[in-house]
Amino acid sequence: MNKIPLTLVGAEALRAELHRLKTIERPKVIAAIAEARSHGDLSENAEYDAAKERQGFIEGRILEVENKLAHAQIIDPGLLDADGRCVFGSTVTLEDVGSGKSVTYQIVGDDEADIKVGKISVNSPVARALIGKYSGDVAEVQAPSGVREYEIIDVVYI
C-alpha cells in the first residue's frame, strides 16, 4: 500500500480519534448491546439492531484509522526546506487573478482537508496546480466555471 501523507497535526488528530473510539465509543456500544439483549427477543428488538449496526461502524472506523496510521508518512511542515516551493504541508497565499481576492490554504492530506479552516487536500485540483510552483508563479486551475488563474503571493512552512 502507498504511504498516506499526514501533517503532525493530522496524525495527532487520528491518534486522538482512535483513542476515543477504543476507550469511549467501543465500551459504550458494548453496554448498549448488553442492555438491548436484556430486553428479551432479539428478532424484533430495534435497540439491539441499532447497537449492532453502531458496533459495526465503530469497529470498521477503528480498522480504517489504524490502517491509515500504519501507512502514514508524517511530515512536519516546520522542518521543510523546499526553497520557497509549494509542497505538501506548505501554507500558500494566493490571489485570484480575475477578482483580486486573496486566500490562504495549507496543503494537507485527504483526512485533514477542511476548506472552512483553510486546509485543502493535496489531491484537490487547486493543490495539484500549486505543487512545485514558487512565489510569483501563476497556477491555472480547472474549475467547473472554466480555467481560473491564481498568483502565488507567499509560501511558508509552519
N, C-alpha and C. Protein backbone atom coordinates (compact mmCIF):
# COMPACT_ATOMS: atom_id res chain seq x y z
N MET A 1 0.85 -1.19 0.00
CA MET A 1 0.00 0.00 0.00
C MET A 1 0.89 1.24 0.00
N ASN A 2 0.41 2.29 -0.64
CA ASN A 2 1.15 3.54 -0.69
C ASN A 2 1.15 4.23 0.66
N LYS A 3 2.14 5.06 0.85
CA LYS A 3 2.20 5.87 2.07
C LYS A 3 1.10 6.93 2.01
N ILE A 4 0.54 7.23 3.16
CA ILE A 4 -0.51 8.24 3.27
C ILE A 4 0.12 9.47 3.91
N PRO A 5 0.21 10.60 3.18
CA PRO A 5 0.84 11.79 3.77
C PRO A 5 -0.07 12.43 4.81
N LEU A 6 0.53 12.76 5.96
CA LEU A 6 -0.18 13.44 7.04
C LEU A 6 0.75 14.47 7.65
N THR A 7 0.17 15.58 8.08
CA THR A 7 0.96 16.53 8.86
C THR A 7 0.99 16.03 10.30
N LEU A 8 1.85 16.62 11.12
CA LEU A 8 1.90 16.24 12.54
C LEU A 8 0.54 16.43 13.20
N VAL A 9 -0.13 17.54 12.89
CA VAL A 9 -1.44 17.84 13.48
C VAL A 9 -2.47 16.79 13.06
N GLY A 10 -2.44 16.42 11.78
CA GLY A 10 -3.37 15.42 11.27
C GLY A 10 -3.15 14.06 11.90
N ALA A 11 -1.90 13.67 12.09
CA ALA A 11 -1.58 12.39 12.71
C ALA A 11 -2.06 12.37 14.17
N GLU A 12 -1.85 13.47 14.87
CA GLU A 12 -2.31 13.56 16.26
C GLU A 12 -3.83 13.48 16.35
N ALA A 13 -4.52 14.10 15.40
CA ALA A 13 -5.98 14.06 15.38
C ALA A 13 -6.47 12.63 15.17
N LEU A 14 -5.81 11.89 14.26
CA LEU A 14 -6.19 10.49 14.05
C LEU A 14 -5.91 9.64 15.28
N ARG A 15 -4.77 9.88 15.94
CA ARG A 15 -4.46 9.13 17.17
C ARG A 15 -5.51 9.41 18.25
N ALA A 16 -5.92 10.67 18.36
CA ALA A 16 -6.93 11.04 19.36
C ALA A 16 -8.27 10.38 19.03
N GLU A 17 -8.63 10.35 17.74
CA GLU A 17 -9.88 9.70 17.35
C GLU A 17 -9.82 8.20 17.66
N LEU A 18 -8.70 7.56 17.37
CA LEU A 18 -8.54 6.14 17.64
C LEU A 18 -8.67 5.86 19.15
N HIS A 19 -8.04 6.69 19.96
CA HIS A 19 -8.11 6.54 21.42
C HIS A 19 -9.57 6.68 21.89
N ARG A 20 -10.28 7.68 21.37
CA ARG A 20 -11.68 7.91 21.75
C ARG A 20 -12.55 6.72 21.33
N LEU A 21 -12.33 6.21 20.11
CA LEU A 21 -13.13 5.08 19.64
C LEU A 21 -12.91 3.84 20.51
N LYS A 22 -11.67 3.59 20.90
CA LYS A 22 -11.35 2.38 21.66
C LYS A 22 -11.73 2.50 23.13
N THR A 23 -11.59 3.68 23.71
CA THR A 23 -11.80 3.80 25.15
C THR A 23 -13.18 4.32 25.54
N ILE A 24 -13.86 4.99 24.63
CA ILE A 24 -15.18 5.55 24.98
C ILE A 24 -16.29 4.91 24.15
N GLU A 25 -16.16 4.99 22.82
CA GLU A 25 -17.25 4.53 21.95
C GLU A 25 -17.45 3.02 21.98
N ARG A 26 -16.35 2.25 21.93
CA ARG A 26 -16.47 0.79 21.93
C ARG A 26 -17.12 0.29 23.22
N PRO A 27 -16.67 0.69 24.41
CA PRO A 27 -17.34 0.23 25.64
C PRO A 27 -18.81 0.68 25.73
N LYS A 28 -19.08 1.89 25.21
CA LYS A 28 -20.46 2.39 25.25
C LYS A 28 -21.39 1.51 24.40
N VAL A 29 -20.94 1.12 23.22
CA VAL A 29 -21.79 0.31 22.35
C VAL A 29 -21.91 -1.12 22.88
N ILE A 30 -20.87 -1.63 23.53
CA ILE A 30 -20.95 -2.96 24.14
C ILE A 30 -21.99 -2.95 25.26
N ALA A 31 -22.01 -1.89 26.03
CA ALA A 31 -23.01 -1.76 27.10
C ALA A 31 -24.42 -1.65 26.52
N ALA A 32 -24.56 -0.93 25.38
CA ALA A 32 -25.87 -0.79 24.75
C ALA A 32 -26.36 -2.14 24.22
N ILE A 33 -25.46 -2.95 23.68
CA ILE A 33 -25.84 -4.27 23.20
C ILE A 33 -26.29 -5.15 24.37
N ALA A 34 -25.56 -5.12 25.48
CA ALA A 34 -25.92 -5.91 26.66
C ALA A 34 -27.29 -5.47 27.20
N GLU A 35 -27.52 -4.17 27.21
CA GLU A 35 -28.82 -3.64 27.68
C GLU A 35 -29.94 -4.11 26.77
N ALA A 36 -29.72 -4.04 25.45
CA ALA A 36 -30.75 -4.46 24.50
C ALA A 36 -31.03 -5.95 24.60
N ARG A 37 -29.98 -6.75 24.84
CA ARG A 37 -30.16 -8.21 25.00
C ARG A 37 -31.03 -8.54 26.20
N SER A 38 -30.91 -7.72 27.22
CA SER A 38 -31.67 -7.99 28.45
C SER A 38 -33.17 -7.78 28.27
N HIS A 39 -33.55 -7.15 27.16
CA HIS A 39 -34.97 -6.90 26.92
C HIS A 39 -35.68 -8.09 26.29
N GLY A 40 -34.94 -9.16 26.02
CA GLY A 40 -35.60 -10.37 25.52
C GLY A 40 -35.40 -10.62 24.04
N ASP A 41 -36.48 -11.02 23.38
CA ASP A 41 -36.48 -11.46 21.98
C ASP A 41 -35.68 -10.52 21.07
N LEU A 42 -34.56 -11.06 20.53
CA LEU A 42 -33.67 -10.25 19.69
C LEU A 42 -34.19 -10.08 18.27
N SER A 43 -35.10 -10.96 17.82
CA SER A 43 -35.56 -10.90 16.44
C SER A 43 -36.40 -9.64 16.16
N GLU A 44 -37.02 -9.09 17.16
CA GLU A 44 -37.85 -7.89 16.97
C GLU A 44 -37.37 -6.75 17.87
N ASN A 45 -36.07 -6.71 18.14
CA ASN A 45 -35.53 -5.73 19.05
C ASN A 45 -34.75 -4.67 18.26
N ALA A 46 -35.38 -3.53 18.05
CA ALA A 46 -34.77 -2.46 17.25
C ALA A 46 -33.55 -1.87 17.95
N GLU A 47 -33.58 -1.80 19.28
CA GLU A 47 -32.43 -1.29 20.02
C GLU A 47 -31.20 -2.16 19.79
N TYR A 48 -31.41 -3.47 19.79
CA TYR A 48 -30.31 -4.41 19.57
C TYR A 48 -29.74 -4.23 18.16
N ASP A 49 -30.63 -4.16 17.18
CA ASP A 49 -30.19 -3.98 15.78
C ASP A 49 -29.41 -2.69 15.62
N ALA A 50 -29.87 -1.61 16.21
CA ALA A 50 -29.19 -0.32 16.11
C ALA A 50 -27.82 -0.36 16.79
N ALA A 51 -27.75 -1.01 17.95
CA ALA A 51 -26.48 -1.12 18.67
C ALA A 51 -25.48 -1.96 17.90
N LYS A 52 -25.94 -3.06 17.29
CA LYS A 52 -25.04 -3.91 16.49
C LYS A 52 -24.56 -3.15 15.25
N GLU A 53 -25.43 -2.37 14.65
CA GLU A 53 -25.03 -1.57 13.48
C GLU A 53 -23.99 -0.53 13.89
N ARG A 54 -24.22 0.11 15.01
CA ARG A 54 -23.26 1.09 15.52
C ARG A 54 -21.92 0.42 15.84
N GLN A 55 -21.96 -0.78 16.41
CA GLN A 55 -20.74 -1.51 16.71
C GLN A 55 -19.96 -1.81 15.43
N GLY A 56 -20.66 -2.20 14.38
CA GLY A 56 -20.01 -2.47 13.10
C GLY A 56 -19.34 -1.22 12.54
N PHE A 57 -20.01 -0.09 12.66
CA PHE A 57 -19.43 1.17 12.20
C PHE A 57 -18.17 1.52 12.99
N ILE A 58 -18.24 1.40 14.32
CA ILE A 58 -17.10 1.75 15.18
C ILE A 58 -15.91 0.82 14.89
N GLU A 59 -16.16 -0.48 14.80
CA GLU A 59 -15.07 -1.42 14.53
C GLU A 59 -14.45 -1.15 13.16
N GLY A 60 -15.28 -0.83 12.18
CA GLY A 60 -14.77 -0.51 10.84
C GLY A 60 -13.91 0.75 10.85
N ARG A 61 -14.37 1.76 11.59
CA ARG A 61 -13.59 3.01 11.67
C ARG A 61 -12.28 2.79 12.41
N ILE A 62 -12.28 1.96 13.46
CA ILE A 62 -11.04 1.65 14.18
C ILE A 62 -10.03 1.02 13.22
N LEU A 63 -10.47 0.05 12.44
CA LEU A 63 -9.58 -0.60 11.47
C LEU A 63 -9.05 0.40 10.44
N GLU A 64 -9.94 1.27 9.97
CA GLU A 64 -9.55 2.28 8.97
C GLU A 64 -8.49 3.23 9.53
N VAL A 65 -8.71 3.73 10.73
CA VAL A 65 -7.76 4.68 11.35
C VAL A 65 -6.43 3.98 11.65
N GLU A 66 -6.49 2.75 12.17
CA GLU A 66 -5.25 2.01 12.44
C GLU A 66 -4.46 1.80 11.15
N ASN A 67 -5.15 1.48 10.06
CA ASN A 67 -4.50 1.28 8.78
C ASN A 67 -3.85 2.57 8.27
N LYS A 68 -4.56 3.68 8.40
CA LYS A 68 -4.01 4.97 7.95
C LYS A 68 -2.77 5.34 8.76
N LEU A 69 -2.82 5.12 10.06
CA LEU A 69 -1.66 5.44 10.89
C LEU A 69 -0.48 4.50 10.59
N ALA A 70 -0.78 3.24 10.29
CA ALA A 70 0.28 2.29 9.98
C ALA A 70 0.98 2.64 8.67
N HIS A 71 0.26 3.25 7.74
CA HIS A 71 0.82 3.59 6.44
C HIS A 71 1.11 5.09 6.31
N ALA A 72 1.09 5.80 7.41
CA ALA A 72 1.27 7.26 7.37
C ALA A 72 2.72 7.64 7.13
N GLN A 73 2.88 8.66 6.34
CA GLN A 73 4.17 9.33 6.19
C GLN A 73 3.96 10.70 6.83
N ILE A 74 4.43 10.85 8.06
CA ILE A 74 4.16 12.07 8.82
C ILE A 74 5.20 13.12 8.47
N ILE A 75 4.70 14.28 8.07
CA ILE A 75 5.55 15.38 7.62
C ILE A 75 5.32 16.58 8.53
N ASP A 76 6.40 17.11 9.07
CA ASP A 76 6.33 18.31 9.90
C ASP A 76 6.61 19.52 9.01
N PRO A 77 5.57 20.32 8.70
CA PRO A 77 5.78 21.48 7.81
C PRO A 77 6.85 22.44 8.32
N GLY A 78 7.03 22.53 9.63
CA GLY A 78 8.02 23.43 10.20
C GLY A 78 9.46 23.03 9.90
N LEU A 79 9.66 21.76 9.55
CA LEU A 79 11.01 21.27 9.26
C LEU A 79 11.31 21.21 7.76
N LEU A 80 10.33 21.60 6.94
CA LEU A 80 10.52 21.55 5.49
C LEU A 80 11.52 22.61 5.04
N ASP A 81 12.31 22.26 4.06
CA ASP A 81 13.21 23.22 3.43
C ASP A 81 13.07 23.02 1.93
N ALA A 82 12.04 23.61 1.35
CA ALA A 82 11.73 23.40 -0.06
C ALA A 82 12.10 24.62 -0.89
N ASP A 83 12.90 25.51 -0.35
CA ASP A 83 13.37 26.70 -1.07
C ASP A 83 12.24 27.54 -1.64
N GLY A 84 11.14 27.66 -0.90
CA GLY A 84 10.05 28.52 -1.35
C GLY A 84 9.08 27.88 -2.32
N ARG A 85 9.22 26.58 -2.54
CA ARG A 85 8.32 25.85 -3.44
C ARG A 85 7.07 25.43 -2.71
N CYS A 86 5.96 25.30 -3.44
CA CYS A 86 4.73 24.76 -2.88
C CYS A 86 4.88 23.24 -2.81
N VAL A 87 4.79 22.70 -1.60
CA VAL A 87 4.90 21.26 -1.37
C VAL A 87 3.85 20.87 -0.34
N PHE A 88 3.71 19.56 -0.11
CA PHE A 88 2.81 19.08 0.92
C PHE A 88 3.18 19.72 2.25
N GLY A 89 2.19 20.24 2.96
CA GLY A 89 2.42 20.85 4.27
C GLY A 89 2.63 22.34 4.22
N SER A 90 2.94 22.89 3.05
CA SER A 90 3.20 24.34 2.97
C SER A 90 1.88 25.11 3.06
N THR A 91 1.99 26.34 3.53
CA THR A 91 0.86 27.25 3.59
C THR A 91 1.07 28.30 2.51
N VAL A 92 0.09 28.42 1.62
CA VAL A 92 0.24 29.22 0.42
C VAL A 92 -0.81 30.33 0.39
N THR A 93 -0.36 31.56 0.17
CA THR A 93 -1.27 32.68 -0.01
C THR A 93 -1.40 32.93 -1.51
N LEU A 94 -2.65 32.95 -1.98
CA LEU A 94 -2.94 33.09 -3.40
C LEU A 94 -3.78 34.33 -3.65
N GLU A 95 -3.66 34.87 -4.85
CA GLU A 95 -4.54 35.96 -5.28
C GLU A 95 -5.19 35.53 -6.58
N ASP A 96 -6.52 35.56 -6.59
CA ASP A 96 -7.27 35.24 -7.80
C ASP A 96 -7.00 36.35 -8.82
N VAL A 97 -6.39 36.01 -9.95
CA VAL A 97 -6.01 37.00 -10.95
C VAL A 97 -7.23 37.74 -11.48
N GLY A 98 -8.36 37.04 -11.61
CA GLY A 98 -9.57 37.66 -12.14
C GLY A 98 -10.24 38.62 -11.18
N SER A 99 -10.39 38.22 -9.92
CA SER A 99 -11.15 39.03 -8.96
C SER A 99 -10.26 39.84 -8.02
N GLY A 100 -9.01 39.45 -7.87
CA GLY A 100 -8.10 40.14 -6.95
C GLY A 100 -8.25 39.69 -5.51
N LYS A 101 -9.14 38.73 -5.25
CA LYS A 101 -9.33 38.24 -3.87
C LYS A 101 -8.16 37.38 -3.45
N SER A 102 -7.81 37.50 -2.17
CA SER A 102 -6.70 36.75 -1.59
C SER A 102 -7.23 35.64 -0.69
N VAL A 103 -6.60 34.46 -0.76
CA VAL A 103 -6.94 33.35 0.12
C VAL A 103 -5.65 32.67 0.56
N THR A 104 -5.71 32.02 1.71
CA THR A 104 -4.55 31.28 2.21
C THR A 104 -4.99 29.85 2.50
N TYR A 105 -4.22 28.89 1.97
CA TYR A 105 -4.51 27.48 2.16
C TYR A 105 -3.26 26.76 2.64
N GLN A 106 -3.48 25.74 3.47
CA GLN A 106 -2.40 24.81 3.78
C GLN A 106 -2.70 23.53 3.02
N ILE A 107 -1.68 22.97 2.37
CA ILE A 107 -1.84 21.74 1.61
C ILE A 107 -1.61 20.57 2.55
N VAL A 108 -2.68 19.77 2.76
CA VAL A 108 -2.65 18.68 3.74
C VAL A 108 -3.15 17.38 3.12
N GLY A 109 -3.17 16.31 3.91
CA GLY A 109 -3.68 15.02 3.47
C GLY A 109 -5.20 15.01 3.37
N ASP A 110 -5.73 13.99 2.72
CA ASP A 110 -7.18 13.89 2.50
C ASP A 110 -7.98 13.93 3.80
N ASP A 111 -7.48 13.27 4.85
CA ASP A 111 -8.22 13.21 6.11
C ASP A 111 -8.23 14.54 6.86
N GLU A 112 -7.28 15.39 6.58
CA GLU A 112 -7.16 16.66 7.28
C GLU A 112 -7.88 17.80 6.57
N ALA A 113 -8.18 17.62 5.30
CA ALA A 113 -8.73 18.70 4.48
C ALA A 113 -10.03 19.23 5.06
N ASP A 114 -10.10 20.55 5.18
CA ASP A 114 -11.30 21.24 5.65
C ASP A 114 -11.23 22.67 5.13
N ILE A 115 -11.94 22.94 4.08
CA ILE A 115 -11.86 24.24 3.41
C ILE A 115 -12.26 25.38 4.35
N LYS A 116 -13.13 25.09 5.33
CA LYS A 116 -13.58 26.12 6.27
C LYS A 116 -12.45 26.69 7.11
N VAL A 117 -11.41 25.87 7.34
CA VAL A 117 -10.27 26.34 8.13
C VAL A 117 -9.02 26.52 7.26
N GLY A 118 -9.23 26.55 5.94
CA GLY A 118 -8.12 26.85 5.03
C GLY A 118 -7.18 25.69 4.78
N LYS A 119 -7.68 24.46 4.87
CA LYS A 119 -6.84 23.29 4.60
C LYS A 119 -7.41 22.55 3.40
N ILE A 120 -6.58 22.42 2.34
CA ILE A 120 -7.03 21.73 1.14
C ILE A 120 -6.25 20.44 0.95
N SER A 121 -6.90 19.46 0.38
CA SER A 121 -6.28 18.16 0.13
C SER A 121 -5.20 18.29 -0.94
N VAL A 122 -4.12 17.56 -0.73
CA VAL A 122 -3.03 17.51 -1.69
C VAL A 122 -3.54 16.97 -3.03
N ASN A 123 -4.65 16.26 -3.01
CA ASN A 123 -5.23 15.69 -4.23
C ASN A 123 -6.27 16.58 -4.89
N SER A 124 -6.54 17.75 -4.31
CA SER A 124 -7.52 18.66 -4.90
C SER A 124 -6.95 19.32 -6.15
N PRO A 125 -7.81 19.78 -7.05
CA PRO A 125 -7.32 20.44 -8.27
C PRO A 125 -6.45 21.67 -7.96
N VAL A 126 -6.81 22.44 -6.95
CA VAL A 126 -6.02 23.63 -6.61
C VAL A 126 -4.63 23.23 -6.13
N ALA A 127 -4.56 22.28 -5.21
CA ALA A 127 -3.25 21.84 -4.69
C ALA A 127 -2.39 21.23 -5.79
N ARG A 128 -3.00 20.41 -6.64
CA ARG A 128 -2.23 19.80 -7.74
C ARG A 128 -1.65 20.87 -8.66
N ALA A 129 -2.39 21.96 -8.87
CA ALA A 129 -1.90 23.04 -9.72
C ALA A 129 -0.77 23.82 -9.04
N LEU A 130 -0.77 23.84 -7.70
CA LEU A 130 0.22 24.62 -6.95
C LEU A 130 1.54 23.87 -6.72
N ILE A 131 1.47 22.56 -6.55
CA ILE A 131 2.66 21.78 -6.20
C ILE A 131 3.80 22.05 -7.19
N GLY A 132 4.95 22.39 -6.62
CA GLY A 132 6.15 22.62 -7.42
C GLY A 132 6.35 24.06 -7.87
N LYS A 133 5.35 24.89 -7.67
CA LYS A 133 5.46 26.29 -8.09
C LYS A 133 6.04 27.14 -6.96
N TYR A 134 6.54 28.33 -7.34
CA TYR A 134 7.18 29.25 -6.41
C TYR A 134 6.35 30.53 -6.27
N SER A 135 6.69 31.32 -5.25
CA SER A 135 6.08 32.63 -5.07
C SER A 135 6.30 33.45 -6.33
N GLY A 136 5.24 34.10 -6.82
CA GLY A 136 5.32 34.89 -8.05
C GLY A 136 4.81 34.14 -9.26
N ASP A 137 4.77 32.80 -9.20
CA ASP A 137 4.25 31.99 -10.32
C ASP A 137 2.73 32.12 -10.38
N VAL A 138 2.18 31.80 -11.54
CA VAL A 138 0.73 31.77 -11.72
C VAL A 138 0.33 30.33 -11.97
N ALA A 139 -0.67 29.87 -11.20
CA ALA A 139 -1.17 28.49 -11.34
C ALA A 139 -2.53 28.53 -12.00
N GLU A 140 -2.72 27.69 -13.00
CA GLU A 140 -4.01 27.58 -13.67
C GLU A 140 -4.76 26.38 -13.11
N VAL A 141 -5.99 26.63 -12.65
CA VAL A 141 -6.81 25.58 -12.03
C VAL A 141 -8.06 25.38 -12.87
N GLN A 142 -8.32 24.14 -13.22
CA GLN A 142 -9.54 23.82 -13.97
C GLN A 142 -10.70 23.77 -12.98
N ALA A 143 -11.59 24.75 -13.05
CA ALA A 143 -12.76 24.82 -12.16
C ALA A 143 -14.01 24.52 -13.00
N PRO A 144 -15.12 24.21 -12.35
CA PRO A 144 -16.35 23.95 -13.11
C PRO A 144 -16.75 25.12 -14.02
N SER A 145 -16.41 26.33 -13.61
CA SER A 145 -16.77 27.50 -14.41
C SER A 145 -15.71 27.82 -15.47
N GLY A 146 -14.69 27.01 -15.57
CA GLY A 146 -13.61 27.24 -16.53
C GLY A 146 -12.28 27.37 -15.82
N VAL A 147 -11.25 27.74 -16.58
CA VAL A 147 -9.91 27.86 -16.02
C VAL A 147 -9.81 29.13 -15.18
N ARG A 148 -9.29 28.98 -13.95
CA ARG A 148 -9.06 30.13 -13.07
C ARG A 148 -7.57 30.24 -12.85
N GLU A 149 -7.08 31.47 -12.76
CA GLU A 149 -5.67 31.70 -12.54
C GLU A 149 -5.45 32.30 -11.16
N TYR A 150 -4.46 31.75 -10.46
CA TYR A 150 -4.09 32.23 -9.14
C TYR A 150 -2.61 32.56 -9.13
N GLU A 151 -2.30 33.76 -8.65
CA GLU A 151 -0.88 34.12 -8.49
C GLU A 151 -0.48 33.73 -7.07
N ILE A 152 0.67 33.08 -6.97
CA ILE A 152 1.17 32.67 -5.66
C ILE A 152 1.89 33.87 -5.04
N ILE A 153 1.34 34.38 -3.95
CA ILE A 153 1.87 35.56 -3.26
C ILE A 153 2.97 35.18 -2.29
N ASP A 154 2.72 34.11 -1.50
CA ASP A 154 3.68 33.73 -0.47
C ASP A 154 3.57 32.23 -0.18
N VAL A 155 4.70 31.62 0.14
CA VAL A 155 4.75 30.22 0.53
C VAL A 155 5.53 30.15 1.84
N VAL A 156 4.89 29.61 2.87
CA VAL A 156 5.57 29.46 4.17
C VAL A 156 5.40 28.03 4.67
N TYR A 157 6.28 27.66 5.57
CA TYR A 157 6.27 26.30 6.13
C TYR A 157 6.11 26.42 7.64
N ILE A 158 4.85 26.34 8.11
CA ILE A 158 4.57 26.48 9.54
C ILE A 158 3.81 25.28 10.06
